[in-house]
Amino acid sequence: MVKLLQHQTLESSNDTVNKDVWYTSKADAVYAIVLEWPDTDELTLGAPISSNSTQVTMLGYEGKFVWKPATDKGGIIVHFPAIDVNQLPLKWAWVLKLENIK
């Protein structure tokens, strides 16, 4: 028996402070799709509200990213490590997986 492709609604939204970041989610994770590599080693995301157990990783790259709250009302600042261009999973967009955010 052939199983037909099931359609799901995929919701996405743009970040509140960074026009080059879009979000989508699945299960307990939120994915931040970064369309432009940051000019500095930090990327500010306005939408996520962190918790003490928040974790940030990049799909296709081993290791966790260091982050800190942006303000007491929400947002996070993600520190991008010095990554050699050959270690990047893609060259046009990058996906941060945000876990344990509110």
Protein backbone atom coordinates (compact mmCIF):
# COMPACT_ATOMS: atom_id res chain seq x y z
CA MET A 1 0.00 0.00 0.00
CA VAL A 2 1.32 3.44 -0.90
CA LYS A 3 0.93 6.11 1.72
CA LEU A 4 -0.06 9.44 0.21
CA LEU A 5 1.74 12.61 1.23
CA GLN A 6 -0.04 14.24 4.15
CA HIS A 7 -0.31 18.02 4.10
CA GLN A 8 0.37 20.04 7.21
CA THR A 9 -0.05 23.75 7.77
CA LEU A 10 3.30 25.35 8.37
CA GLU A 11 3.14 28.66 10.18
CA SER A 12 6.00 31.11 10.08
CA SER A 13 6.64 34.62 11.25
CA ASN A 14 9.33 37.26 10.95
CA ASP A 15 11.44 38.29 13.95
CA THR A 16 10.43 41.47 15.75
CA VAL A 17 13.88 43.14 15.55
CA ASN A 18 15.73 41.32 12.77
CA LYS A 19 14.22 41.35 9.26
CA ASP A 20 16.57 38.57 8.14
CA VAL A 21 15.23 35.99 10.60
CA TRP A 22 12.05 33.94 10.20
CA TYR A 23 10.58 31.39 12.62
CA THR A 24 8.75 28.15 12.37
CA SER A 25 8.16 25.44 14.96
CA LYS A 26 7.67 21.72 15.31
CA ALA A 27 6.95 19.83 18.52
CA ASP A 28 8.81 21.52 21.37
CA ALA A 29 11.36 23.39 19.26
CA VAL A 30 11.34 26.73 17.50
CA TYR A 31 13.54 27.14 14.43
CA ALA A 32 15.03 30.53 13.58
CA ILE A 33 15.92 30.66 9.90
CA VAL A 34 18.77 33.15 9.50
CA LEU A 35 18.95 34.57 5.96
CA GLU A 36 22.05 36.73 6.47
CA TRP A 37 25.16 35.81 8.44
CA PRO A 38 25.70 38.33 11.27
CA ASP A 39 28.26 41.10 10.70
CA THR A 40 29.53 40.60 14.25
CA ASP A 41 29.74 37.50 16.44
CA GLU A 42 26.30 38.23 17.94
CA LEU A 43 22.79 37.90 16.55
CA THR A 44 19.90 39.54 18.37
CA LEU A 45 16.55 37.78 18.20
CA GLY A 46 13.60 39.78 19.48
CA ALA A 47 10.86 37.15 19.60
CA PRO A 48 12.10 34.29 21.83
CA ILE A 49 11.54 34.43 25.57
CA SER A 50 14.26 32.36 27.22
CA SER A 51 14.16 30.12 30.26
CA ASN A 52 16.95 28.79 32.47
CA SER A 53 17.09 25.66 30.32
CA THR A 54 17.08 27.32 26.87
CA GLN A 55 19.48 25.72 24.40
CA VAL A 56 20.55 27.04 20.99
CA THR A 57 22.13 24.86 18.31
CA MET A 58 22.58 25.13 14.53
CA LEU A 59 21.27 22.35 12.33
CA GLY A 60 24.17 20.58 10.65
CA TYR A 61 26.79 21.97 13.07
CA GLU A 62 27.94 20.20 16.22
CA GLY A 63 27.93 22.05 19.49
CA LYS A 64 25.72 24.49 21.33
CA PHE A 65 25.75 28.23 20.93
CA VAL A 66 26.23 30.55 23.89
CA TRP A 67 23.37 33.00 24.41
CA LYS A 68 22.14 35.58 26.90
CA PRO A 69 18.82 37.34 27.45
CA ALA A 70 18.47 40.54 25.41
CA THR A 71 16.16 42.30 27.88
CA ASP A 72 14.10 41.36 30.90
CA LYS A 73 11.01 41.40 28.64
CA GLY A 74 12.31 38.91 26.10
CA GLY A 75 14.62 38.33 23.20
CA ILE A 76 17.97 36.62 23.20
CA ILE A 77 21.44 37.46 21.94
CA VAL A 78 23.14 34.47 20.34
CA HIS A 79 26.94 34.38 20.21
CA PHE A 80 28.18 32.90 16.93
CA PRO A 81 31.49 31.07 17.37
CA ALA A 82 34.28 31.54 14.85
CA ILE A 83 33.22 28.93 12.29
CA ASP A 84 35.34 28.13 9.26
CA VAL A 85 33.32 28.54 6.08
CA ASN A 86 33.97 24.84 5.28
CA GLN A 87 32.24 23.84 8.54
CA LEU A 88 29.02 25.68 7.74
CA PRO A 89 26.17 23.35 6.80
CA LEU A 90 24.94 25.77 4.10
CA LYS A 91 26.10 28.97 2.47
CA TRP A 92 22.78 30.83 1.94
CA ALA A 93 20.71 30.33 5.11
CA TRP A 94 21.25 28.80 8.54
CA VAL A 95 18.78 27.31 10.98
CA LEU A 96 19.07 27.80 14.72
CA LYS A 97 17.14 25.32 16.83
CA LEU A 98 15.81 26.97 19.98
CA GLU A 99 14.72 24.61 22.72
CA ASN A 100 13.03 25.36 26.03
CA ILE A 101 11.83 28.84 25.16
CA LYS A 102 8.50 30.34 26.15
